[in-house]
């Protein structure tokens, strides 16, 4: 599974249930918390695109072993 996390924010902002949006801020930790509990592991990344909008994108490749 390929994920594009956007817009990136610090953990405390992205994990705040009162965060404003849409788009709602996200962070790598939120993806890990949501996916790793279901047996999905980060295989590649995270990668930042230095040409992205204010470096607010993060690309991650996840796999689940069956």
N, C-alpha and C. Protein backbone atom coordinates (compact mmCIF):
# COMPACT_ATOMS: atom_id res chain seq x y z
N UNK A 1 0.85 -1.15 0.00
CA UNK A 1 0.00 0.00 0.00
C UNK A 1 0.91 1.23 0.00
N UNK A 2 0.62 2.14 -0.87
CA UNK A 2 1.37 3.38 -0.98
C UNK A 2 0.56 4.48 -0.34
N UNK A 3 1.19 5.26 0.53
CA UNK A 3 0.48 6.38 1.15
C UNK A 3 1.21 7.68 0.85
N UNK A 4 0.43 8.71 0.64
CA UNK A 4 0.95 10.06 0.51
C UNK A 4 0.33 10.85 1.65
N UNK A 5 1.14 11.18 2.62
CA UNK A 5 0.66 11.92 3.79
C UNK A 5 0.77 13.41 3.49
N UNK A 6 -0.37 14.11 3.57
CA UNK A 6 -0.40 15.53 3.29
C UNK A 6 -1.61 16.14 3.97
N UNK A 7 -1.53 17.26 4.58
CA UNK A 7 -0.37 18.07 4.90
C UNK A 7 0.29 17.59 6.19
N UNK A 8 1.60 17.53 6.19
CA UNK A 8 2.34 17.10 7.37
C UNK A 8 2.28 18.17 8.45
N UNK A 9 2.28 17.70 9.68
CA UNK A 9 2.30 18.59 10.83
C UNK A 9 3.06 17.89 11.95
N UNK A 10 3.52 18.63 12.93
CA UNK A 10 4.14 17.99 14.09
C UNK A 10 3.15 17.04 14.77
N UNK A 11 3.68 16.03 15.46
CA UNK A 11 2.83 15.01 16.10
C UNK A 11 1.75 15.63 16.98
N UNK A 12 2.09 16.61 17.81
CA UNK A 12 1.11 17.16 18.73
C UNK A 12 -0.04 17.86 18.00
N UNK A 13 0.23 18.43 16.85
CA UNK A 13 -0.82 19.08 16.06
C UNK A 13 -1.65 18.04 15.32
N UNK A 14 -0.98 17.08 14.66
CA UNK A 14 -1.67 16.09 13.85
C UNK A 14 -2.51 15.13 14.69
N UNK A 15 -2.09 14.85 15.90
CA UNK A 15 -2.82 13.90 16.75
C UNK A 15 -3.85 14.58 17.63
N UNK A 16 -4.01 15.88 17.51
CA UNK A 16 -4.99 16.63 18.29
C UNK A 16 -6.37 16.44 17.66
N UNK A 17 -7.32 15.84 18.39
CA UNK A 17 -8.65 15.61 17.82
C UNK A 17 -9.38 16.91 17.47
N UNK A 18 -8.93 18.03 17.99
CA UNK A 18 -9.57 19.31 17.70
C UNK A 18 -8.87 20.06 16.56
N UNK A 19 -7.95 19.39 15.86
CA UNK A 19 -7.23 20.04 14.77
C UNK A 19 -8.21 20.50 13.69
N UNK A 20 -7.92 21.65 13.13
CA UNK A 20 -8.84 22.19 12.12
C UNK A 20 -8.54 21.61 10.75
N UNK A 21 -9.54 21.56 9.92
CA UNK A 21 -9.43 21.05 8.57
C UNK A 21 -10.79 21.10 7.92
N UNK A 22 -11.01 20.57 6.78
CA UNK A 22 -10.07 19.87 5.94
C UNK A 22 -9.16 20.81 5.16
N UNK A 23 -8.04 20.37 4.71
CA UNK A 23 -7.45 19.06 4.99
C UNK A 23 -6.95 18.99 6.43
N UNK A 24 -7.12 17.86 7.04
CA UNK A 24 -6.69 17.66 8.41
C UNK A 24 -5.21 17.31 8.42
N UNK A 25 -4.45 17.85 9.37
CA UNK A 25 -3.01 17.56 9.42
C UNK A 25 -2.75 16.11 9.79
N UNK A 26 -1.67 15.56 9.25
CA UNK A 26 -1.28 14.18 9.53
C UNK A 26 0.21 14.13 9.87
N UNK A 27 0.63 13.00 10.42
CA UNK A 27 2.04 12.79 10.73
C UNK A 27 2.36 11.31 10.53
N UNK A 28 3.64 11.01 10.44
CA UNK A 28 4.05 9.61 10.27
C UNK A 28 3.56 8.76 11.43
N UNK A 29 3.62 9.27 12.63
CA UNK A 29 3.21 8.50 13.81
C UNK A 29 1.74 8.08 13.71
N UNK A 30 0.89 8.95 13.19
CA UNK A 30 -0.54 8.62 13.05
C UNK A 30 -0.72 7.44 12.11
N UNK A 31 0.04 7.40 11.02
CA UNK A 31 -0.03 6.27 10.09
C UNK A 31 0.46 4.99 10.77
N UNK A 32 1.58 5.09 11.48
CA UNK A 32 2.10 3.92 12.18
C UNK A 32 1.08 3.40 13.20
N UNK A 33 0.52 4.30 13.98
CA UNK A 33 -0.47 3.89 14.99
C UNK A 33 -1.67 3.20 14.35
N UNK A 34 -2.13 3.71 13.22
CA UNK A 34 -3.31 3.17 12.56
C UNK A 34 -3.04 1.85 11.85
N UNK A 35 -1.86 1.68 11.27
CA UNK A 35 -1.61 0.51 10.42
C UNK A 35 -0.87 -0.63 11.11
N UNK A 36 0.10 -0.32 11.96
CA UNK A 36 0.92 -1.38 12.53
C UNK A 36 0.14 -2.30 13.45
N UNK A 37 -0.92 -1.82 14.05
CA UNK A 37 -1.76 -2.67 14.90
C UNK A 37 -2.53 -3.71 14.11
N UNK A 38 -2.56 -3.58 12.80
CA UNK A 38 -3.26 -4.53 11.92
C UNK A 38 -2.28 -5.37 11.11
N UNK A 39 -1.01 -5.40 11.54
CA UNK A 39 -0.02 -6.23 10.87
C UNK A 39 0.58 -5.61 9.63
N UNK A 40 0.36 -4.33 9.41
CA UNK A 40 0.93 -3.64 8.25
C UNK A 40 2.22 -2.97 8.70
N UNK A 41 3.29 -3.23 7.97
CA UNK A 41 4.61 -2.71 8.35
C UNK A 41 5.15 -1.78 7.27
N UNK A 42 5.88 -0.78 7.70
CA UNK A 42 6.54 0.14 6.79
C UNK A 42 7.70 -0.58 6.11
N UNK A 43 7.67 -0.66 4.78
CA UNK A 43 8.73 -1.34 4.05
C UNK A 43 9.75 -0.37 3.47
N UNK A 44 9.27 0.73 2.91
CA UNK A 44 10.17 1.71 2.30
C UNK A 44 9.72 3.11 2.70
N UNK A 45 10.70 3.94 2.93
CA UNK A 45 10.39 5.32 3.28
C UNK A 45 10.52 5.53 4.77
N UNK A 46 10.08 6.61 5.27
CA UNK A 46 9.37 7.66 4.54
C UNK A 46 10.31 8.49 3.68
N UNK A 47 9.77 8.95 2.57
CA UNK A 47 10.51 9.80 1.65
C UNK A 47 9.87 11.18 1.61
N UNK A 48 10.69 12.18 1.65
CA UNK A 48 10.22 13.56 1.49
C UNK A 48 10.61 14.02 0.10
N UNK A 49 9.69 14.69 -0.55
CA UNK A 49 9.96 15.26 -1.86
C UNK A 49 10.39 16.70 -1.64
N UNK A 50 11.63 17.01 -1.94
CA UNK A 50 12.12 18.37 -1.70
C UNK A 50 11.47 19.40 -2.61
N UNK A 51 10.74 18.94 -3.61
CA UNK A 51 10.04 19.86 -4.51
C UNK A 51 8.55 19.96 -4.16
N UNK A 52 8.15 19.34 -3.08
CA UNK A 52 6.74 19.36 -2.72
C UNK A 52 6.35 20.72 -2.15
N UNK A 53 5.09 20.90 -1.96
CA UNK A 53 4.57 22.15 -1.42
C UNK A 53 5.07 22.33 0.01
N UNK A 54 6.00 23.22 0.21
CA UNK A 54 6.56 23.53 1.54
C UNK A 54 6.97 22.27 2.30
N UNK A 55 7.43 21.26 1.59
CA UNK A 55 7.85 20.00 2.20
C UNK A 55 6.78 19.41 3.11
N UNK A 56 5.54 19.48 2.68
CA UNK A 56 4.42 18.98 3.48
C UNK A 56 3.95 17.61 3.03
N UNK A 57 4.70 16.93 2.18
CA UNK A 57 4.32 15.60 1.70
C UNK A 57 5.29 14.56 2.21
N UNK A 58 4.77 13.39 2.52
CA UNK A 58 5.59 12.27 2.94
C UNK A 58 5.04 11.03 2.25
N UNK A 59 5.90 10.28 1.57
CA UNK A 59 5.50 9.08 0.85
C UNK A 59 6.03 7.87 1.62
N UNK A 60 5.15 6.88 1.83
CA UNK A 60 5.53 5.66 2.54
C UNK A 60 4.93 4.44 1.83
N UNK A 61 5.70 3.36 1.79
CA UNK A 61 5.25 2.11 1.18
C UNK A 61 5.09 1.09 2.29
N UNK A 62 3.89 0.54 2.42
CA UNK A 62 3.54 -0.40 3.47
C UNK A 62 3.21 -1.77 2.89
N UNK A 63 3.48 -2.83 3.65
CA UNK A 63 3.13 -4.19 3.23
C UNK A 63 2.51 -4.92 4.42
N UNK A 64 1.67 -5.90 4.07
CA UNK A 64 1.10 -6.77 5.07
C UNK A 64 1.43 -8.20 4.69
N UNK A 65 2.07 -8.91 5.60
CA UNK A 65 2.39 -10.31 5.36
C UNK A 65 1.21 -11.16 5.79
N UNK A 66 0.77 -12.02 4.87
CA UNK A 66 -0.38 -12.88 5.16
C UNK A 66 0.08 -14.25 5.57
